[in-house]
Amino acid sequence: MARRAAPLEEIAAAHPGARVLPADVTDAAALEAAFAEFGPLDLLFNNAGIFGPAAPIDEISVADWERVLMVNLHGMFLAARLAFGAMRASGRGGRIINNGSISATTPRPGSVCYTTTKHAITGLTKSLALDGRPFDIACGQIDIGNAETEMVAGLKKLSPETHTMGVENAARAVLHMAGLPPEANVLFMTVMATKMPFVGRG
């Protein structure tokens, strides 16, 4: 599930049985229609996110702030709400994995929109992990640092010395979290480029 059908179709072509469900996470009705296409739902990887403008807060427009808030927080809330409801109704439980960021604990300069929303995702993760207990719904968060994505490619243009890792490392970490038995949960995991200045950043 993502906004653009073409990349989804390319991925689905390599994975027999995959279904393409284009939907904008900021559109509650579109998300609800997409979720209705599923049968029993066992897992949600809540992954939508944008960085927004890199600037001090007084240089950021209200429109840009609202755009990041809608995707990174509102959209993830909507998806988690639908997944939680489906898992609770099924009586089988399930697992929600939220894509946080290392900015959920340690921000980059000029990242007030992104960092604020990612701190909020940590609160969402903790609340879902707690509220999911009676229904066997586990929730965890993965904080990814500098995987080779389009978003990080933009950061590398600003800072060519940026250290990165292959995105497959993040995928393997998510797969590990997703594959745990129901009685086990990774509440928080950080996977990052080894040489990125996260510890001691300043």
Protein backbone atom coordinates (compact mmCIF):
# COMPACT_ATOMS: atom_id res chain seq x y z
CA MET A 1 0.00 0.00 0.00
CA ALA A 2 1.32 3.41 -1.01
CA ARG A 3 0.25 6.52 -2.92
CA ARG A 4 1.68 5.57 -6.31
CA ALA A 5 0.39 2.48 -8.10
CA ALA A 6 3.32 2.07 -10.51
CA PRO A 7 6.04 1.29 -7.91
CA LEU A 8 3.62 -1.02 -6.11
CA GLU A 9 2.91 -2.93 -9.32
CA GLU A 10 6.65 -3.35 -9.92
CA ILE A 11 7.10 -4.81 -6.44
CA ALA A 12 4.02 -7.01 -6.72
CA ALA A 13 5.23 -8.45 -10.03
CA ALA A 14 8.21 -9.95 -8.19
CA HIS A 15 6.07 -11.37 -5.36
CA PRO A 16 3.27 -13.71 -6.50
CA GLY A 17 0.17 -13.27 -4.40
CA ALA A 18 0.90 -9.63 -3.53
CA ARG A 19 -1.93 -7.15 -4.03
CA VAL A 20 -1.59 -3.53 -5.11
CA LEU A 21 -3.62 -1.10 -2.98
CA PRO A 22 -2.91 2.54 -3.85
CA ALA A 23 -4.02 4.88 -1.05
CA ASP A 24 -2.89 8.15 0.49
CA VAL A 25 -2.38 7.69 4.24
CA THR A 26 -3.76 11.17 4.89
CA ASP A 27 -7.12 10.19 3.33
CA ALA A 28 -9.13 8.34 5.97
CA ALA A 29 -11.78 7.11 3.52
CA ALA A 30 -9.18 5.81 1.04
CA LEU A 31 -7.32 3.99 3.81
CA GLU A 32 -10.52 2.44 5.11
CA ALA A 33 -11.38 1.20 1.61
CA ALA A 34 -7.89 -0.29 1.18
CA PHE A 35 -8.00 -2.05 4.56
CA ALA A 36 -11.39 -3.49 3.64
CA GLU A 37 -9.63 -5.41 0.85
CA PHE A 38 -7.78 -7.56 3.39
CA GLY A 39 -8.96 -10.73 4.98
CA PRO A 40 -7.66 -11.41 8.50
CA LEU A 41 -4.85 -8.95 9.22
CA ASP A 42 -1.81 -10.21 11.13
CA LEU A 43 0.74 -7.44 10.64
CA LEU A 44 0.98 -3.73 9.84
CA PHE A 45 4.31 -2.10 9.03
CA ASN A 46 3.38 1.56 9.50
CA ASN A 47 5.97 3.19 7.27
CA ALA A 48 4.72 6.40 5.63
CA GLY A 49 6.86 9.47 6.22
CA ILE A 50 8.29 12.65 4.71
CA PHE A 51 11.07 14.90 5.99
CA GLY A 52 9.71 18.34 5.16
CA PRO A 53 11.76 21.54 4.90
CA ALA A 54 15.18 21.67 6.57
CA ALA A 55 15.11 25.05 8.29
CA PRO A 56 14.73 26.81 11.64
CA ILE A 57 11.14 26.88 12.88
CA ASP A 58 10.56 30.54 11.99
CA GLU A 59 11.35 29.81 8.34
CA ILE A 60 8.83 26.96 8.08
CA SER A 61 5.40 27.74 6.70
CA VAL A 62 2.31 26.53 8.50
CA ALA A 63 1.35 24.67 5.31
CA ASP A 64 4.64 22.72 5.33
CA TRP A 65 4.22 21.90 9.02
CA GLU A 66 0.69 20.64 8.42
CA ARG A 67 1.80 18.53 5.44
CA VAL A 68 4.47 16.70 7.51
CA LEU A 69 2.08 16.32 10.44
CA MET A 70 -0.61 14.81 8.21
CA VAL A 71 1.67 12.17 6.69
CA ASN A 72 3.98 11.30 9.57
CA LEU A 73 1.52 11.37 12.46
CA HIS A 74 -2.08 11.60 11.28
CA GLY A 75 -1.53 9.00 8.54
CA MET A 76 0.21 6.58 10.88
CA PHE A 77 -2.55 7.07 13.46
CA LEU A 78 -5.21 6.27 10.83
CA ALA A 79 -3.42 3.13 9.65
CA ALA A 80 -2.75 1.92 13.21
CA ARG A 81 -6.37 2.58 14.17
CA LEU A 82 -7.68 0.45 11.31
CA ALA A 83 -5.16 -2.34 11.90
CA PHE A 84 -5.79 -2.41 15.65
CA GLY A 85 -9.54 -2.57 15.05
CA ALA A 86 -9.22 -5.42 12.55
CA MET A 87 -6.90 -7.40 14.82
CA ARG A 88 -9.12 -6.85 17.86
CA ALA A 89 -12.27 -7.85 15.95
CA SER A 90 -10.66 -11.03 14.62
CA GLY A 91 -9.85 -12.29 18.11
CA ARG A 92 -6.49 -13.51 16.77
CA GLY A 93 -4.37 -10.53 17.78
CA GLY A 94 -1.54 -9.33 15.59
CA ARG A 95 1.44 -7.02 15.41
CA ILE A 96 1.95 -3.36 14.50
CA ILE A 97 5.45 -2.09 13.73
CA ASN A 98 5.81 1.68 13.55
CA ASN A 99 8.67 3.21 11.60
CA GLY A 100 10.08 5.81 13.95
CA SER A 101 13.52 7.27 13.28
CA ILE A 102 16.61 7.94 15.30
CA SER A 103 15.23 11.50 15.22
CA ALA A 104 12.64 10.15 17.68
CA THR A 105 15.41 10.49 20.27
CA THR A 106 18.18 12.62 18.70
CA PRO A 107 17.32 15.18 16.00
CA ARG A 108 19.31 16.66 13.18
CA PRO A 109 19.54 20.46 13.05
CA GLY A 110 16.73 22.03 11.05
CA SER A 111 14.35 19.09 11.44
CA VAL A 112 11.63 20.44 13.71
CA CYS A 113 8.70 19.12 11.65
CA TYR A 114 10.11 15.62 11.16
CA THR A 115 11.53 15.32 14.69
CA THR A 116 8.34 16.47 16.39
CA THR A 117 6.25 13.89 14.53
CA LYS A 118 8.75 11.09 15.20
CA HIS A 119 8.74 11.84 18.93
CA ALA A 120 4.97 11.52 18.73
CA ILE A 121 5.29 8.11 17.04
CA THR A 122 7.16 6.90 20.12
CA GLY A 123 4.15 7.88 22.21
CA LEU A 124 1.84 6.13 19.75
CA THR A 125 3.97 2.97 19.95
CA LYS A 126 3.96 2.88 23.75
CA SER A 127 0.21 3.49 23.92
CA LEU A 128 -0.58 0.77 21.38
CA ALA A 129 1.76 -1.69 23.10
CA LEU A 130 -0.07 -1.06 26.37
CA ASP A 131 -3.63 -0.97 25.00
CA GLY A 132 -2.98 -4.02 22.82
CA ARG A 133 -2.12 -6.37 25.69
CA PRO A 134 -5.68 -7.55 26.43
CA PHE A 135 -6.19 -8.32 22.72
CA ASP A 136 -2.83 -10.00 21.98
CA ILE A 137 -1.80 -7.09 19.77
CA ALA A 138 1.92 -6.38 20.02
CA CYS A 139 3.38 -3.05 18.95
CA GLY A 140 7.01 -2.11 18.42
CA GLN A 141 9.02 0.66 16.81
CA ILE A 142 12.04 0.52 14.56
CA ASP A 143 14.30 3.56 14.48
CA ILE A 144 16.27 3.52 11.24
CA GLY A 145 19.36 5.62 10.70
CA ASN A 146 20.49 6.54 7.18
CA ALA A 147 19.27 3.69 5.00
CA GLU A 148 19.74 4.32 1.27
CA THR A 149 16.31 5.71 0.38
CA GLU A 150 15.13 8.67 -1.69
CA MET A 151 14.78 10.71 1.51
CA VAL A 152 18.36 10.03 2.61
CA ALA A 153 19.66 10.67 -0.92
CA GLY A 154 18.43 14.25 -0.47
CA LEU A 155 20.32 14.54 2.81
CA LYS A 156 23.51 13.24 1.15
CA LYS A 157 23.31 16.10 -1.35
CA LEU A 158 23.32 18.55 1.56
CA SER A 159 26.02 16.64 3.47
CA PRO A 160 28.17 14.48 1.15
CA GLU A 161 29.99 12.96 4.17
CA THR A 162 26.75 11.32 5.35
CA HIS A 163 27.31 7.64 6.20
CA THR A 164 24.62 5.27 4.95
CA MET A 165 23.73 1.57 4.87
CA GLY A 166 21.83 -0.54 2.36
CA VAL A 167 18.07 -0.43 2.86
CA GLU A 168 18.02 -4.25 2.94
CA ASN A 169 19.50 -4.06 6.45
CA ALA A 170 16.44 -2.17 7.64
CA ALA A 171 14.18 -4.66 5.84
CA ARG A 172 15.87 -7.60 7.58
CA ALA A 173 15.39 -5.91 10.95
CA VAL A 174 11.67 -5.37 10.28
CA LEU A 175 11.36 -8.99 9.15
CA HIS A 176 12.93 -10.14 12.42
CA MET A 177 10.44 -8.09 14.44
CA ALA A 178 7.54 -9.35 12.31
CA GLY A 179 8.56 -12.99 12.66
CA LEU A 180 8.59 -13.16 16.44
CA PRO A 181 6.09 -15.50 18.11
CA PRO A 182 3.05 -13.83 19.72
CA GLU A 183 4.52 -14.01 23.22
CA ALA A 184 7.60 -11.95 22.25
CA ASN A 185 7.96 -8.35 21.14
CA VAL A 186 10.75 -5.94 20.25
CA LEU A 187 9.41 -2.71 21.74
CA PHE A 188 12.20 -0.55 20.27
CA MET A 189 14.99 -1.37 17.85
CA THR A 190 17.64 0.91 16.34
CA VAL A 191 19.37 -0.12 13.12
CA MET A 192 21.75 2.39 11.60
CA ALA A 193 24.80 2.99 9.48
CA THR A 194 27.74 2.03 11.68
CA LYS A 195 29.67 5.27 11.19
CA MET A 196 26.82 7.75 11.34
CA PRO A 197 27.26 10.31 14.14
CA PHE A 198 24.25 9.31 16.23
CA VAL A 199 25.87 8.52 19.56
CA GLY A 200 27.58 11.73 20.59
CA ARG A 201 25.84 13.69 17.84
CA GLY A 202 26.21 17.43 18.36
